[in-house]
Amino acid sequence: AVIGGGNSGVEAAIDLAGIVEHVTLIEFDTKLRADQ
């Protein structure tokens, strides 16, 4: 899992997806804050 939906969190999730079986991103807000 990746905690955080800002740029660093979404970038981490993208990078990890190429390595791990599955990645789940958890965001406290109702929407992600990362660049579209």
Full PDB file with SEQRES, HELIX, SHEET, SSBOND, CRYST1, ORIGX, SCALE, CONECT and MASTER records, all heavy atoms in Angstrom:
SEQRES   1 A   36  ALA VAL ILE GLY GLY GLY ASN SER GLY VAL GLU ALA ALA          
SEQRES   2 A   36  ILE ASP LEU ALA GLY ILE VAL GLU HIS VAL THR LEU ILE          
SEQRES   3 A   36  GLU PHE ASP THR LYS LEU ARG ALA ASP GLN                      
HELIX    1 AA1 ASN A    7  ALA A   17  1                                  11    
SHEET    1 AA1 2 VAL A   2  ILE A   3  0                                        
SHEET    2 AA1 2 LEU A  25  ILE A  26  1                                        
CRYST1    1.000    1.000    1.000  90.00  90.00  90.00 P 1           1          
ORIGX1      1.000000  0.000000  0.000000        0.00000                         
ORIGX2      0.000000  1.000000  0.000000        0.00000                         
ORIGX3      0.000000  0.000000  1.000000        0.00000                         
SCALE1      1.000000  0.000000  0.000000        0.00000                         
SCALE2      0.000000  1.000000  0.000000        0.00000                         
SCALE3      0.000000  0.000000  1.000000        0.00000                         
ATOM      1  N   ALA A   1       0.847  -1.187   0.000  1.00  0.00           N  
ATOM      2  CA  ALA A   1       0.000   0.000   0.000  1.00  0.00           C  
ATOM      3  C   ALA A   1       0.883   1.238   0.000  1.00  0.00           C  
ATOM      4  O   ALA A   1       2.003   1.216   0.507  1.00  0.00           O  
ATOM      5  CB  ALA A   1      -0.919   0.013   1.215  1.00  0.00           C  
ATOM      6  N   VAL A   2       0.381   2.310  -0.568  1.00  0.00           N  
ATOM      7  CA  VAL A   2       1.016   3.618  -0.489  1.00  0.00           C  
ATOM      8  C   VAL A   2       0.043   4.547   0.221  1.00  0.00           C  
ATOM      9  O   VAL A   2      -1.137   4.611  -0.133  1.00  0.00           O  
ATOM     10  CB  VAL A   2       1.357   4.181  -1.885  1.00  0.00           C  
ATOM     11  CG1 VAL A   2       1.827   5.630  -1.776  1.00  0.00           C  
ATOM     12  CG2 VAL A   2       2.405   3.330  -2.563  1.00  0.00           C  
ATOM     13  N   ILE A   3       0.530   5.273   1.221  1.00  0.00           N  
ATOM     14  CA  ILE A   3      -0.303   6.217   1.964  1.00  0.00           C  
ATOM     15  C   ILE A   3      -0.007   7.618   1.458  1.00  0.00           C  
ATOM     16  O   ILE A   3       1.120   8.098   1.568  1.00  0.00           O  
ATOM     17  CB  ILE A   3      -0.023   6.144   3.484  1.00  0.00           C  
ATOM     18  CG1 ILE A   3      -0.010   4.695   3.964  1.00  0.00           C  
ATOM     19  CG2 ILE A   3      -1.047   6.967   4.254  1.00  0.00           C  
ATOM     20  CD1 ILE A   3      -1.293   3.948   3.745  1.00  0.00           C  
ATOM     21  N   GLY A   4      -1.015   8.280   0.884  1.00  0.00           N  
ATOM     22  CA  GLY A   4      -0.843   9.642   0.405  1.00  0.00           C  
ATOM     23  C   GLY A   4      -1.150   9.789  -1.063  1.00  0.00           C  
ATOM     24  O   GLY A   4      -0.620   9.060  -1.899  1.00  0.00           O  
ATOM     25  N   GLY A   5      -2.008  10.766  -1.390  1.00  0.00           N  
ATOM     26  CA  GLY A   5      -2.436  10.959  -2.771  1.00  0.00           C  
ATOM     27  C   GLY A   5      -1.895  12.199  -3.435  1.00  0.00           C  
ATOM     28  O   GLY A   5      -2.448  12.666  -4.434  1.00  0.00           O  
ATOM     29  N   GLY A   6      -0.797  12.751  -2.894  1.00  0.00           N  
ATOM     30  CA  GLY A   6      -0.119  13.856  -3.571  1.00  0.00           C  
ATOM     31  C   GLY A   6       0.795  13.329  -4.653  1.00  0.00           C  
ATOM     32  O   GLY A   6       0.785  12.134  -4.973  1.00  0.00           O  
ATOM     33  N   ASN A   7       1.601  14.209  -5.228  1.00  0.00           N  
ATOM     34  CA  ASN A   7       2.499  13.795  -6.311  1.00  0.00           C  
ATOM     35  C   ASN A   7       3.439  12.676  -5.874  1.00  0.00           C  
ATOM     36  O   ASN A   7       3.640  11.703  -6.601  1.00  0.00           O  
ATOM     37  CB  ASN A   7       3.315  14.994  -6.797  1.00  0.00           C  
ATOM     38  CG  ASN A   7       2.526  15.889  -7.745  1.00  0.00           C  
ATOM     39  OD1 ASN A   7       1.433  15.542  -8.175  1.00  0.00           O  
ATOM     40  ND2 ASN A   7       3.075  17.040  -8.051  1.00  0.00           N  
ATOM     41  N   SER A   8       4.035  12.804  -4.678  1.00  0.00           N  
ATOM     42  CA  SER A   8       4.995  11.791  -4.239  1.00  0.00           C  
ATOM     43  C   SER A   8       4.318  10.446  -4.038  1.00  0.00           C  
ATOM     44  O   SER A   8       4.886   9.398  -4.369  1.00  0.00           O  
ATOM     45  CB  SER A   8       5.697  12.238  -2.959  1.00  0.00           C  
ATOM     46  OG  SER A   8       4.761  12.443  -1.914  1.00  0.00           O  
ATOM     47  N   GLY A   9       3.093  10.450  -3.498  1.00  0.00           N  
ATOM     48  CA  GLY A   9       2.376   9.198  -3.276  1.00  0.00           C  
ATOM     49  C   GLY A   9       1.995   8.507  -4.568  1.00  0.00           C  
ATOM     50  O   GLY A   9       2.182   7.291  -4.717  1.00  0.00           O  
ATOM     51  N   VAL A  10       1.468   9.269  -5.516  1.00  0.00           N  
ATOM     52  CA  VAL A  10       1.047   8.680  -6.795  1.00  0.00           C  
ATOM     53  C   VAL A  10       2.260   8.224  -7.599  1.00  0.00           C  
ATOM     54  O   VAL A  10       2.240   7.151  -8.221  1.00  0.00           O  
ATOM     55  CB  VAL A  10       0.190   9.684  -7.592  1.00  0.00           C  
ATOM     56  CG1 VAL A  10      -0.111   9.143  -8.992  1.00  0.00           C  
ATOM     57  CG2 VAL A  10      -1.110   9.973  -6.852  1.00  0.00           C  
ATOM     58  N   GLU A  11       3.348   9.009  -7.570  1.00  0.00           N  
ATOM     59  CA  GLU A  11       4.568   8.584  -8.259  1.00  0.00           C  
ATOM     60  C   GLU A  11       5.102   7.288  -7.661  1.00  0.00           C  
ATOM     61  O   GLU A  11       5.551   6.389  -8.393  1.00  0.00           O  
ATOM     62  CB  GLU A  11       5.625   9.687  -8.154  1.00  0.00           C  
ATOM     63  CG  GLU A  11       5.348  10.888  -9.039  1.00  0.00           C  
ATOM     64  CD  GLU A  11       6.324  12.023  -8.799  1.00  0.00           C  
ATOM     65  OE1 GLU A  11       7.109  11.928  -7.820  1.00  0.00           O  
ATOM     66  OE2 GLU A  11       6.307  12.990  -9.567  1.00  0.00           O  
ATOM     67  N   ALA A  12       5.040   7.177  -6.337  1.00  0.00           N  
ATOM     68  CA  ALA A  12       5.498   5.945  -5.678  1.00  0.00           C  
ATOM     69  C   ALA A  12       4.652   4.759  -6.098  1.00  0.00           C  
ATOM     70  O   ALA A  12       5.171   3.671  -6.368  1.00  0.00           O  
ATOM     71  CB  ALA A  12       5.448   6.128  -4.161  1.00  0.00           C  
ATOM     72  N   ALA A  13       3.341   4.952  -6.158  1.00  0.00           N  
ATOM     73  CA  ALA A  13       2.441   3.865  -6.542  1.00  0.00           C  
ATOM     74  C   ALA A  13       2.705   3.411  -7.976  1.00  0.00           C  
ATOM     75  O   ALA A  13       2.697   2.206  -8.275  1.00  0.00           O  
ATOM     76  CB  ALA A  13       0.993   4.315  -6.386  1.00  0.00           C  
ATOM     77  N   ILE A  14       2.958   4.363  -8.875  1.00  0.00           N  
ATOM     78  CA  ILE A  14       3.256   4.028 -10.271  1.00  0.00           C  
ATOM     79  C   ILE A  14       4.554   3.227 -10.351  1.00  0.00           C  
ATOM     80  O   ILE A  14       4.633   2.205 -11.045  1.00  0.00           O  
ATOM     81  CB  ILE A  14       3.353   5.314 -11.120  1.00  0.00           C  
ATOM     82  CG1 ILE A  14       1.980   5.987 -11.220  1.00  0.00           C  
ATOM     83  CG2 ILE A  14       3.907   5.006 -12.508  1.00  0.00           C  
ATOM     84  CD1 ILE A  14       2.025   7.379 -11.832  1.00  0.00           C  
ATOM     85  N   ASP A  15       5.583   3.689  -9.639  1.00  0.00           N  
ATOM     86  CA  ASP A  15       6.873   2.985  -9.650  1.00  0.00           C  
ATOM     87  C   ASP A  15       6.732   1.572  -9.090  1.00  0.00           C  
ATOM     88  O   ASP A  15       7.253   0.596  -9.662  1.00  0.00           O  
ATOM     89  CB  ASP A  15       7.907   3.760  -8.828  1.00  0.00           C  
ATOM     90  CG  ASP A  15       8.343   5.046  -9.507  1.00  0.00           C  
ATOM     91  OD1 ASP A  15       8.072   5.187 -10.714  1.00  0.00           O  
ATOM     92  OD2 ASP A  15       8.943   5.900  -8.834  1.00  0.00           O  
ATOM     93  N   LEU A  16       6.040   1.442  -7.968  1.00  0.00           N  
ATOM     94  CA  LEU A  16       5.896   0.145  -7.313  1.00  0.00           C  
ATOM     95  C   LEU A  16       5.075  -0.829  -8.147  1.00  0.00           C  
ATOM     96  O   LEU A  16       5.309  -2.043  -8.109  1.00  0.00           O  
ATOM     97  CB  LEU A  16       5.250   0.327  -5.938  1.00  0.00           C  
ATOM     98  CG  LEU A  16       6.141   0.998  -4.883  1.00  0.00           C  
ATOM     99  CD1 LEU A  16       5.302   1.432  -3.682  1.00  0.00           C  
ATOM    100  CD2 LEU A  16       7.251   0.054  -4.447  1.00  0.00           C  
ATOM    101  N   ALA A  17       4.118  -0.312  -8.909  1.00  0.00           N  
ATOM    102  CA  ALA A  17       3.258  -1.182  -9.719  1.00  0.00           C  
ATOM    103  C   ALA A  17       4.062  -2.004 -10.728  1.00  0.00           C  
ATOM    104  O   ALA A  17       3.639  -3.095 -11.131  1.00  0.00           O  
ATOM    105  CB  ALA A  17       2.200  -0.350 -10.432  1.00  0.00           C  
ATOM    106  N   GLY A  18       5.223  -1.490 -11.115  1.00  0.00           N  
ATOM    107  CA  GLY A  18       6.069  -2.225 -12.048  1.00  0.00           C  
ATOM    108  C   GLY A  18       6.866  -3.331 -11.385  1.00  0.00           C  
ATOM    109  O   GLY A  18       7.527  -4.107 -12.073  1.00  0.00           O  
ATOM    110  N   ILE A  19       6.809  -3.427 -10.052  1.00  0.00           N  
ATOM    111  CA  ILE A  19       7.594  -4.403  -9.299  1.00  0.00           C  
ATOM    112  C   ILE A  19       6.721  -5.389  -8.551  1.00  0.00           C  
ATOM    113  O   ILE A  19       6.944  -6.601  -8.590  1.00  0.00           O  
ATOM    114  CB  ILE A  19       8.518  -3.681  -8.285  1.00  0.00           C  
ATOM    115  CG1 ILE A  19       9.433  -2.684  -8.994  1.00  0.00           C  
ATOM    116  CG2 ILE A  19       9.312  -4.686  -7.456  1.00  0.00           C  
ATOM    117  CD1 ILE A  19      10.179  -1.776  -8.047  1.00  0.00           C  
ATOM    118  N   VAL A  20       5.708  -4.867  -7.870  1.00  0.00           N  
ATOM    119  CA  VAL A  20       4.927  -5.679  -6.937  1.00  0.00           C  
ATOM    120  C   VAL A  20       3.750  -6.349  -7.641  1.00  0.00           C  
ATOM    121  O   VAL A  20       3.418  -6.039  -8.795  1.00  0.00           O  
ATOM    122  CB  VAL A  20       4.405  -4.811  -5.767  1.00  0.00           C  
ATOM    123  CG1 VAL A  20       5.567  -4.145  -5.062  1.00  0.00           C  
ATOM    124  CG2 VAL A  20       3.394  -3.767  -6.257  1.00  0.00           C  
ATOM    125  N   GLU A  21       3.089  -7.268  -6.906  1.00  0.00           N  
ATOM    126  CA  GLU A  21       1.894  -7.919  -7.457  1.00  0.00           C  
ATOM    127  C   GLU A  21       0.742  -6.931  -7.564  1.00  0.00           C  
ATOM    128  O   GLU A  21       0.043  -6.869  -8.579  1.00  0.00           O  
ATOM    129  CB  GLU A  21       1.483  -9.096  -6.562  1.00  0.00           C  
ATOM    130  CG  GLU A  21       0.190  -9.771  -7.035  1.00  0.00           C  
ATOM    131  CD  GLU A  21      -0.320 -10.808  -6.045  1.00  0.00           C  
ATOM    132  OE1 GLU A  21       0.492 -11.301  -5.224  1.00  0.00           O  
ATOM    133  OE2 GLU A  21      -1.529 -11.125  -6.087  1.00  0.00           O  
ATOM    134  N   HIS A  22       0.536  -6.156  -6.494  1.00  0.00           N  
ATOM    135  CA  HIS A  22      -0.559  -5.184  -6.482  1.00  0.00           C  
ATOM    136  C   HIS A  22      -0.241  -4.058  -5.513  1.00  0.00           C  
ATOM    137  O   HIS A  22       0.345  -4.277  -4.452  1.00  0.00           O  
ATOM    138  CB  HIS A  22      -1.873  -5.861  -6.071  1.00  0.00           C  
ATOM    139  CG  HIS A  22      -3.079  -4.986  -6.281  1.00  0.00           C  
ATOM    140  ND1 HIS A  22      -3.511  -4.087  -5.331  1.00  0.00           N  
ATOM    141  CD2 HIS A  22      -3.929  -4.865  -7.337  1.00  0.00           C  
ATOM    142  CE1 HIS A  22      -4.580  -3.460  -5.790  1.00  0.00           C  
ATOM    143  NE2 HIS A  22      -4.858  -3.918  -7.008  1.00  0.00           N  
ATOM    144  N   VAL A  23      -0.615  -2.845  -5.894  1.00  0.00           N  
ATOM    145  CA  VAL A  23      -0.419  -1.677  -5.026  1.00  0.00           C  
ATOM    146  C   VAL A  23      -1.765  -0.983  -4.811  1.00  0.00           C  
ATOM    147  O   VAL A  23      -2.532  -0.782  -5.763  1.00  0.00           O  
ATOM    148  CB  VAL A  23       0.613  -0.692  -5.618  1.00  0.00           C  
ATOM    149  CG1 VAL A  23       0.208  -0.212  -7.001  1.00  0.00           C  
ATOM    150  CG2 VAL A  23       0.812   0.491  -4.682  1.00  0.00           C  
ATOM    151  N   THR A  24      -2.051  -0.664  -3.558  1.00  0.00           N  
ATOM    152  CA  THR A  24      -3.270   0.068  -3.199  1.00  0.00           C  
ATOM    153  C   THR A  24      -2.881   1.416  -2.630  1.00  0.00           C  
ATOM    154  O   THR A  24      -2.096   1.496  -1.678  1.00  0.00           O  
ATOM    155  CB  THR A  24      -4.094  -0.696  -2.141  1.00  0.00           C  
ATOM    156  OG1 THR A  24      -4.412  -1.993  -2.640  1.00  0.00           O  
ATOM    157  CG2 THR A  24      -5.371   0.055  -1.822  1.00  0.00           C  
ATOM    158  N   LEU A  25      -3.398   2.483  -3.221  1.00  0.00           N  
ATOM    159  CA  LEU A  25      -3.114   3.825  -2.728  1.00  0.00           C  
ATOM    160  C   LEU A  25      -4.247   4.278  -1.816  1.00  0.00           C  
ATOM    161  O   LEU A  25      -5.422   4.217  -2.187  1.00  0.00           O  
ATOM    162  CB  LEU A  25      -2.946   4.804  -3.884  1.00  0.00           C  
ATOM    163  CG  LEU A  25      -2.480   6.211  -3.499  1.00  0.00           C  
ATOM    164  CD1 LEU A  25      -1.511   6.771  -4.529  1.00  0.00           C  
ATOM    165  CD2 LEU A  25      -3.654   7.174  -3.334  1.00  0.00           C  
ATOM    166  N   ILE A  26      -3.892   4.737  -0.616  1.00  0.00           N  
ATOM    167  CA  ILE A  26      -4.869   5.196   0.375  1.00  0.00           C  
ATOM    168  C   ILE A  26      -4.768   6.710   0.512  1.00  0.00           C  
ATOM    169  O   ILE A  26      -3.686   7.237   0.819  1.00  0.00           O  
ATOM    170  CB  ILE A  26      -4.614   4.547   1.764  1.00  0.00           C  
ATOM    171  CG1 ILE A  26      -4.541   3.020   1.651  1.00  0.00           C  
ATOM    172  CG2 ILE A  26      -5.664   4.993   2.759  1.00  0.00           C  
ATOM    173  CD1 ILE A  26      -5.856   2.368   1.355  1.00  0.00           C  
ATOM    174  N   GLU A  27      -5.870   7.426   0.308  1.00  0.00           N  
ATOM    175  CA  GLU A  27      -5.891   8.884   0.423  1.00  0.00           C  
ATOM    176  C   GLU A  27      -6.965   9.318   1.429  1.00  0.00           C  
ATOM    177  O   GLU A  27      -8.103   8.845   1.379  1.00  0.00           O  
ATOM    178  CB  GLU A  27      -6.156   9.515  -0.944  1.00  0.00           C  
ATOM    179  CG  GLU A  27      -6.555  10.979  -0.930  1.00  0.00           C  
ATOM    180  CD  GLU A  27      -5.519  11.877  -0.251  1.00  0.00           C  
ATOM    181  OE1 GLU A  27      -4.304  11.608  -0.357  1.00  0.00           O  
ATOM    182  OE2 GLU A  27      -5.936  12.858   0.391  1.00  0.00           O  
ATOM    183  N   PHE A  28      -6.591  10.202   2.334  1.00  0.00           N  
ATOM    184  CA  PHE A  28      -7.507  10.693   3.371  1.00  0.00           C  
ATOM    185  C   PHE A  28      -8.643  11.534   2.783  1.00  0.00           C  
ATOM    186  O   PHE A  28      -9.792  11.444   3.215  1.00  0.00           O  
ATOM    187  CB  PHE A  28      -6.707  11.523   4.386  1.00  0.00           C  
ATOM    188  CG  PHE A  28      -7.526  12.075   5.518  1.00  0.00           C  
ATOM    189  CD1 PHE A  28      -7.841  11.285   6.611  1.00  0.00           C  
ATOM    190  CD2 PHE A  28      -7.966  13.388   5.499  1.00  0.00           C  
ATOM    191  CE1 PHE A  28      -8.593  11.791   7.668  1.00  0.00           C  
ATOM    192  CE2 PHE A  28      -8.713  13.907   6.542  1.00  0.00           C  
ATOM    193  CZ  PHE A  28      -9.027  13.103   7.634  1.00  0.00           C  
ATOM    194  N   ASP A  29      -8.342  12.347   1.784  1.00  0.00           N  
ATOM    195  CA  ASP A  29      -9.324  13.246   1.183  1.00  0.00           C  
ATOM    196  C   ASP A  29     -10.270  12.481   0.252  1.00  0.00           C  
ATOM    197  O   ASP A  29     -10.089  11.294  -0.005  1.00  0.00           O  
ATOM    198  CB  ASP A  29      -8.599  14.344   0.410  1.00  0.00           C  
ATOM    199  CG  ASP A  29      -9.429  15.611   0.272  1.00  0.00           C  
ATOM    200  OD1 ASP A  29     -10.635  15.576   0.578  1.00  0.00           O  
ATOM    201  OD2 ASP A  29      -8.870  16.641  -0.157  1.00  0.00           O  
ATOM    202  N   THR A  30     -11.256  13.187  -0.269  1.00  0.00           N  
ATOM    203  CA  THR A  30     -12.227  12.558  -1.169  1.00  0.00           C  
ATOM    204  C   THR A  30     -11.685  12.417  -2.591  1.00  0.00           C  
ATOM    205  O   THR A  30     -12.309  11.770  -3.426  1.00  0.00           O  
ATOM    206  CB  THR A  30     -13.523  13.380  -1.216  1.00  0.00           C  
ATOM    207  OG1 THR A  30     -13.206  14.738  -1.566  1.00  0.00           O  
ATOM    208  CG2 THR A  30     -14.224  13.359   0.142  1.00  0.00           C  
ATOM    209  N   LYS A  31     -10.537  13.047  -2.864  1.00  0.00           N  
ATOM    210  CA  LYS A  31      -9.928  12.931  -4.187  1.00  0.00           C  
ATOM    211  C   LYS A  31      -8.421  13.054  -4.066  1.00  0.00           C  
ATOM    212  O   LYS A  31      -7.891  13.554  -3.066  1.00  0.00           O  
ATOM    213  CB  LYS A  31     -10.465  14.005  -5.140  1.00  0.00           C  
ATOM    214  CG  LYS A  31     -10.207  15.420  -4.658  1.00  0.00           C  
ATOM    215  CD  LYS A  31     -10.801  16.432  -5.621  1.00  0.00           C  
ATOM    216  CE  LYS A  31     -10.546  17.860  -5.128  1.00  0.00           C  
ATOM    217  NZ  LYS A  31     -11.140  18.867  -6.048  1.00  0.00           N  
ATOM    218  N   LEU A  32      -7.720  12.570  -5.083  1.00  0.00           N  
ATOM    219  CA  LEU A  32      -6.269  12.679  -5.093  1.00  0.00           C  
ATOM    220  C   LEU A  32      -5.857  14.129  -5.355  1.00  0.00           C  
ATOM    221  O   LEU A  32      -6.579  14.894  -5.996  1.00  0.00           O  
ATOM    222  CB  LEU A  32      -5.676  11.767  -6.166  1.00  0.00           C  
ATOM    223  CG  LEU A  32      -6.005  10.273  -6.058  1.00  0.00           C  
ATOM    224  CD1 LEU A  32      -5.247   9.497  -7.133  1.00  0.00           C  
ATOM    225  CD2 LEU A  32      -5.670   9.735  -4.679  1.00  0.00           C  
ATOM    226  N   ARG A  33      -4.672  14.497  -4.858  1.00  0.00           N  
ATOM    227  CA  ARG A  33      -4.169  15.862  -5.031  1.00  0.00           C  
ATOM    228  C   ARG A  33      -3.035  15.935  -6.049  1.00  0.00           C  
ATOM    229  O   ARG A  33      -2.519  17.015  -6.320  1.00  0.00           O  
ATOM    230  CB  ARG A  33      -3.680  16.406  -3.683  1.00  0.00           C  
ATOM    231  CG  ARG A  33      -4.791  16.592  -2.665  1.00  0.00           C  
ATOM    232  CD  ARG A  33      -4.253  16.775  -1.247  1.00  0.00           C  
ATOM    233  NE  ARG A  33      -3.800  15.498  -0.692  1.00  0.00           N  
ATOM    234  CZ  ARG A  33      -2.540  15.188  -0.475  1.00  0.00           C  
ATOM    235  NH1 ARG A  33      -1.588  16.035  -0.764  1.00  0.00           N  
ATOM    236  NH2 ARG A  33      -2.203  14.011   0.040  1.00  0.00           N  
ATOM    237  N   ALA A  34      -2.643  14.804  -6.593  1.00  0.00           N  
ATOM    238  CA  ALA A  34      -1.527  14.762  -7.534  1.00  0.00           C  
ATOM    239  C   ALA A  34      -1.907  15.395  -8.870  1.00  0.00           C  
ATOM    240  O   ALA A  34      -3.092  15.564  -9.190  1.00  0.00           O  
ATOM    241  CB  ALA A  34      -1.089  13.316  -7.756  1.00  0.00           C  
ATOM    242  N   ASP A  35      -0.883  15.749  -9.661  1.00  0.00           N  
ATOM    243  CA  ASP A  35      -1.114  16.287 -11.000  1.00  0.00           C  
ATOM    244  C   ASP A  35      -1.939  15.302 -11.803  1.00  0.00           C  
ATOM    245  O   ASP A  35      -1.778  14.079 -11.677  1.00  0.00           O  
ATOM    246  CB  ASP A  35       0.218  16.537 -11.710  1.00  0.00           C  
ATOM    247  CG  ASP A  35       1.048  17.631 -11.026  1.00  0.00           C  
ATOM    248  OD1 ASP A  35       0.467  18.406 -10.245  1.00  0.00           O  
ATOM    249  OD2 ASP A  35       2.258  17.675 -11.277  1.00  0.00           O  
ATOM    250  N   GLN A  36      -2.812  15.823 -12.667  1.00  0.00           N  
ATOM    251  CA  GLN A  36      -3.743  14.978 -13.405  1.00  0.00           C  
ATOM    252  C   GLN A  36      -3.032  13.955 -14.279  1.00  0.00           C  
ATOM    253  O   GLN A  36      -3.478  12.813 -14.416  1.00  0.00           O  
ATOM    254  CB  GLN A  36      -4.672  15.829 -14.267  1.00  0.00           C  
ATOM    255  CG  GLN A  36      -5.855  15.058 -14.867  1.00  0.00           C  
ATOM    256  CD  GLN A  36      -6.728  14.418 -13.797  1.00  0.00           C  
ATOM    257  OE1 GLN A  36      -7.121  15.075 -12.839  1.00  0.00           O  
ATOM    258  NE2 GLN A  36      -7.044  13.136 -13.958  1.00  0.00           N  
TER     259      GLN A  36                                                      
MASTER        0    0    0    1    2    0    0    6  258    1    0    3          
END                                                                             
